[in-house]
C-alpha cells in the first residue's frame, strides 16, 4: 500500500510541475524530474534540480487543493461512483473485489499531509506557503 500511495503522489506532483510548463503528459513516459529540471534551467537560466521540480509540483498540487477546499471540496468529496464501491469486479486480478476507497483515502491523505482531505496549516508551513484565512 505504501508504494502505491507514494507513486500516486509522485506522479501527481511531477505532472503538476510539467503542467505548469504546458508540457504534454506523455512526455513523462520518456522524462522524469531530472530532465524537467534541466529543461527548466535552460529556459530560465536558473539552476534547478529534480528535488526542486518535485517540491514545486507538491506546492502546486497543495495550492490547487487548498483552492478546492475553499470552494467546498473536502471531507467526503473524494469519492467514486457507487458501482466501483459496491459491485465486485468481473475482470482479471481484481475479479470479485470492490474498490477499498475509504482505506485508500486514509493512506493518501496521510501521504499528502492532509487532514480528512483538507490541506492543513502544518502542510502549508512545511511547503513555505503563507495562507491567512480571510475574516469577515
C-alpha atoms as a PDB file:
ATOM      1  CA  UNK A   1       0.000   0.000   0.000  1.00  0.00           C
ATOM      2  CA  UNK A   2       2.772   2.461   0.855  1.00  0.00           C
ATOM      3  CA  UNK A   3       4.366   2.156  -2.578  1.00  0.00           C
ATOM      4  CA  UNK A   4       1.034   2.719  -4.339  1.00  0.00           C
ATOM      5  CA  UNK A   5       0.154   5.870  -2.430  1.00  0.00           C
ATOM      6  CA  UNK A   6       3.635   7.253  -2.866  1.00  0.00           C
ATOM      7  CA  UNK A   7       3.546   6.568  -6.609  1.00  0.00           C
ATOM      8  CA  UNK A   8       0.232   8.404  -6.893  1.00  0.00           C
ATOM      9  CA  UNK A   9       1.656  11.399  -5.030  1.00  0.00           C
ATOM     10  CA  UNK A  10       4.906  11.335  -7.012  1.00  0.00           C
ATOM     11  CA  UNK A  11       3.119  11.305 -10.357  1.00  0.00           C
ATOM     12  CA  UNK A  12       0.650  13.987  -9.282  1.00  0.00           C
ATOM     13  CA  UNK A  13       3.476  16.259  -8.139  1.00  0.00           C
ATOM     14  CA  UNK A  14       5.538  15.566 -11.260  1.00  0.00           C
ATOM     15  CA  UNK A  15       2.567  16.263 -13.530  1.00  0.00           C
ATOM     16  CA  UNK A  16       1.661  19.423 -11.617  1.00  0.00           C
ATOM     17  CA  UNK A  17       5.125  20.743 -12.464  1.00  0.00           C
ATOM     18  CA  UNK A  18       5.049  19.610 -16.105  1.00  0.00           C
ATOM     19  CA  UNK A  19       1.532  21.030 -16.480  1.00  0.00           C
ATOM     20  CA  UNK A  20       2.839  24.397 -15.279  1.00  0.00           C
ATOM     21  CA  UNK A  21       5.310  24.287 -18.186  1.00  0.00           C
ATOM     22  CA  UNK A  22       2.483  23.292 -20.546  1.00  0.00           C
ATOM     23  CA  UNK A  23       4.238  20.031 -21.436  1.00  0.00           C
ATOM     24  CA  UNK A  24       2.368  17.030 -22.765  1.00  0.00           C
ATOM     25  CA  UNK A  25       1.668  14.422 -20.083  1.00  0.00           C
ATOM     26  CA  UNK A  26       3.025  11.755 -22.401  1.00  0.00           C
ATOM     27  CA  UNK A  27       6.489  13.294 -22.010  1.00  0.00           C
ATOM     28  CA  UNK A  28       6.570  11.625 -18.579  1.00  0.00           C
ATOM     29  CA  UNK A  29       6.954   8.277 -20.353  1.00  0.00           C
ATOM     30  CA  UNK A  30      10.395   9.401 -21.516  1.00  0.00           C
ATOM     31  CA  UNK A  31      11.398  12.028 -18.963  1.00  0.00           C
ATOM     32  CA  UNK A  32      11.389  12.456 -15.219  1.00  0.00           C
ATOM     33  CA  UNK A  33      12.129  15.167 -12.696  1.00  0.00           C
ATOM     34  CA  UNK A  34      15.823  15.422 -13.656  1.00  0.00           C
ATOM     35  CA  UNK A  35      15.001  16.020 -17.327  1.00  0.00           C
ATOM     36  CA  UNK A  36      12.290  18.546 -16.462  1.00  0.00           C
ATOM     37  CA  UNK A  37      14.776  20.315 -14.174  1.00  0.00           C
ATOM     38  CA  UNK A  38      17.335  20.507 -16.990  1.00  0.00           C
ATOM     39  CA  UNK A  39      14.725  21.927 -19.374  1.00  0.00           C
ATOM     40  CA  UNK A  40      13.549  24.478 -16.828  1.00  0.00           C
ATOM     41  CA  UNK A  41      17.115  25.506 -16.010  1.00  0.00           C
ATOM     42  CA  UNK A  42      17.842  26.009 -19.688  1.00  0.00           C
ATOM     43  CA  UNK A  43      14.674  28.068 -20.243  1.00  0.00           C
ATOM     44  CA  UNK A  44      15.071  30.431 -17.286  1.00  0.00           C
ATOM     45  CA  UNK A  45      18.826  30.365 -16.718  1.00  0.00           C
ATOM     46  CA  UNK A  46      18.498  29.354 -13.063  1.00  0.00           C
ATOM     47  CA  UNK A  47      19.932  26.095 -11.725  1.00  0.00           C
ATOM     48  CA  UNK A  48      17.109  23.676 -10.873  1.00  0.00           C
ATOM     49  CA  UNK A  49      17.308  20.123  -9.550  1.00  0.00           C
ATOM     50  CA  UNK A  50      14.987  17.128  -9.622  1.00  0.00           C
ATOM     51  CA  UNK A  51      14.214  17.818  -5.943  1.00  0.00           C
ATOM     52  CA  UNK A  52      13.267  21.403  -6.867  1.00  0.00           C
ATOM     53  CA  UNK A  53      10.895  20.056  -9.522  1.00  0.00           C
ATOM     54  CA  UNK A  54       9.196  17.716  -7.068  1.00  0.00           C
ATOM     55  CA  UNK A  55       8.900  20.416  -4.391  1.00  0.00           C
ATOM     56  CA  UNK A  56       7.428  22.878  -6.893  1.00  0.00           C
ATOM     57  CA  UNK A  57       4.970  20.215  -8.041  1.00  0.00           C
ATOM     58  CA  UNK A  58       3.971  19.440  -4.460  1.00  0.00           C
ATOM     59  CA  UNK A  59       3.444  23.139  -3.753  1.00  0.00           C
ATOM     60  CA  UNK A  60       1.305  23.498  -6.900  1.00  0.00           C
ATOM     61  CA  UNK A  61      -0.772  20.429  -6.061  1.00  0.00           C
ATOM     62  CA  UNK A  62      -1.409  21.597  -2.496  1.00  0.00           C
ATOM     63  CA  UNK A  63      -2.334  25.107  -3.652  1.00  0.00           C
ATOM     64  CA  UNK A  64      -4.814  23.611  -6.109  1.00  0.00           C
ATOM     65  CA  UNK A  65      -6.323  21.503  -3.329  1.00  0.00           C
ATOM     66  CA  UNK A  66      -6.433  24.496  -0.963  1.00  0.00           C
ATOM     67  CA  UNK A  67      -8.365  26.423  -3.595  1.00  0.00           C
ATOM     68  CA  UNK A  68     -10.773  23.489  -3.902  1.00  0.00           C
ATOM     69  CA  UNK A  69     -11.058  23.292  -0.096  1.00  0.00           C
ATOM     70  CA  UNK A  70     -12.047  26.972  -0.061  1.00  0.00           C
ATOM     71  CA  UNK A  71     -14.665  26.189  -2.716  1.00  0.00           C
ATOM     72  CA  UNK A  72     -16.202  23.487  -0.505  1.00  0.00           C
ATOM     73  CA  UNK A  73     -14.302  20.369  -1.568  1.00  0.00           C
ATOM     74  CA  UNK A  74     -13.145  18.472   1.496  1.00  0.00           C
ATOM     75  CA  UNK A  75     -14.257  15.690   3.796  1.00  0.00           C
ATOM     76  CA  UNK A  76     -16.473  13.300   1.860  1.00  0.00           C
ATOM     77  CA  UNK A  77     -15.857  14.926  -1.522  1.00  0.00           C
ATOM     78  CA  UNK A  78     -13.337  12.391  -2.805  1.00  0.00           C
ATOM     79  CA  UNK A  79     -15.463   9.515  -3.982  1.00  0.00           C
ATOM     80  CA  UNK A  80     -16.226   7.242  -6.895  1.00  0.00           C
ATOM     81  CA  UNK A  81     -19.465   6.114  -8.498  1.00  0.00           C
ATOM     82  CA  UNK A  82     -21.353   3.621  -6.317  1.00  0.00           C
ATOM     83  CA  UNK A  83     -20.702   0.889  -8.867  1.00  0.00           C
ATOM     84  CA  UNK A  84     -16.970   0.892  -8.075  1.00  0.00           C
ATOM     85  CA  UNK A  85     -17.630   0.854  -4.339  1.00  0.00           C
ATOM     86  CA  UNK A  86     -20.380  -1.771  -4.252  1.00  0.00           C
ATOM     87  CA  UNK A  87     -20.240  -4.039  -7.313  1.00  0.00           C
ATOM     88  CA  UNK A  88     -17.429  -6.625  -7.366  1.00  0.00           C
ATOM     89  CA  UNK A  89     -15.206  -6.502 -10.438  1.00  0.00           C
ATOM     90  CA  UNK A  90     -15.675  -9.166 -13.061  1.00  0.00           C
ATOM     91  CA  UNK A  91     -12.242  -8.718 -14.684  1.00  0.00           C
ATOM     92  CA  UNK A  92      -8.736 -10.095 -14.252  1.00  0.00           C
ATOM     93  CA  UNK A  93      -6.838  -9.901 -10.994  1.00  0.00           C
ATOM     94  CA  UNK A  94      -9.441  -7.653  -9.400  1.00  0.00           C
ATOM     95  CA  UNK A  95     -12.263 -10.115 -10.079  1.00  0.00           C
ATOM     96  CA  UNK A  96     -14.564 -10.329  -7.066  1.00  0.00           C
ATOM     97  CA  UNK A  97     -13.166  -7.212  -5.405  1.00  0.00           C
ATOM     98  CA  UNK A  98     -14.546  -3.717  -4.907  1.00  0.00           C
ATOM     99  CA  UNK A  99     -12.518  -0.547  -4.578  1.00  0.00           C
ATOM    100  CA  UNK A 100     -11.306  -0.068  -0.999  1.00  0.00           C
ATOM    101  CA  UNK A 101     -11.659   3.689  -1.277  1.00  0.00           C
ATOM    102  CA  UNK A 102     -12.027   4.556   2.436  1.00  0.00           C
ATOM    103  CA  UNK A 103      -8.744   2.812   3.288  1.00  0.00           C
ATOM    104  CA  UNK A 104      -7.048   4.261   0.214  1.00  0.00           C
ATOM    105  CA  UNK A 105      -8.111   7.795   1.143  1.00  0.00           C
ATOM    106  CA  UNK A 106      -6.756   7.442   4.687  1.00  0.00           C
ATOM    107  CA  UNK A 107      -3.398   6.365   3.261  1.00  0.00           C
ATOM    108  CA  UNK A 108      -3.413   9.018   0.533  1.00  0.00           C
ATOM    109  CA  UNK A 109      -4.318  11.852   2.891  1.00  0.00           C
ATOM    110  CA  UNK A 110      -1.520  10.721   5.229  1.00  0.00           C
ATOM    111  CA  UNK A 111       0.975  10.735   2.333  1.00  0.00           C
ATOM    112  CA  UNK A 112      -0.166  14.234   1.397  1.00  0.00           C
ATOM    113  CA  UNK A 113      -0.198  15.512   4.988  1.00  0.00           C
ATOM    114  CA  UNK A 114      -3.853  16.489   4.699  1.00  0.00           C
ATOM    115  CA  UNK A 115      -6.497  16.217   7.394  1.00  0.00           C
ATOM    116  CA  UNK A 116      -9.504  14.344   6.021  1.00  0.00           C
ATOM    117  CA  UNK A 117      -8.959  15.808   2.556  1.00  0.00           C
ATOM    118  CA  UNK A 118      -8.168  19.331   3.733  1.00  0.00           C
ATOM    119  CA  UNK A 119      -4.730  20.897   3.355  1.00  0.00           C
ATOM    120  CA  UNK A 120      -3.513  21.566   6.882  1.00  0.00           C
ATOM    121  CA  UNK A 121      -1.803  24.718   8.084  1.00  0.00           C
ATOM    122  CA  UNK A 122       1.131  22.479   9.079  1.00  0.00           C
ATOM    123  CA  UNK A 123       1.437  21.265   5.468  1.00  0.00           C
ATOM    124  CA  UNK A 124       1.314  24.817   4.168  1.00  0.00           C
ATOM    125  CA  UNK A 125       4.065  25.836   6.609  1.00  0.00           C
ATOM    126  CA  UNK A 126       6.148  22.803   5.583  1.00  0.00           C
ATOM    127  CA  UNK A 127       5.881  23.944   1.958  1.00  0.00           C
ATOM    128  CA  UNK A 128       6.614  27.575   2.905  1.00  0.00           C
ATOM    129  CA  UNK A 129       3.186  28.693   1.711  1.00  0.00           C
ATOM    130  CA  UNK A 130       1.737  31.561   3.674  1.00  0.00           C
ATOM    131  CA  UNK A 131      -2.031  31.487   3.834  1.00  0.00           C
ATOM    132  CA  UNK A 132      -4.087  33.569   6.194  1.00  0.00           C
ATOM    133  CA  UNK A 133      -7.809  32.762   6.122  1.00  0.00           C
ATOM    134  CA  UNK A 134      -9.962  35.800   5.467  1.00  0.00           C
ATOM    135  CA  UNK A 135     -12.015  37.102   8.351  1.00  0.00           C
ATOM    136  CA  UNK A 136     -15.392  38.661   7.805  1.00  0.00           C
END
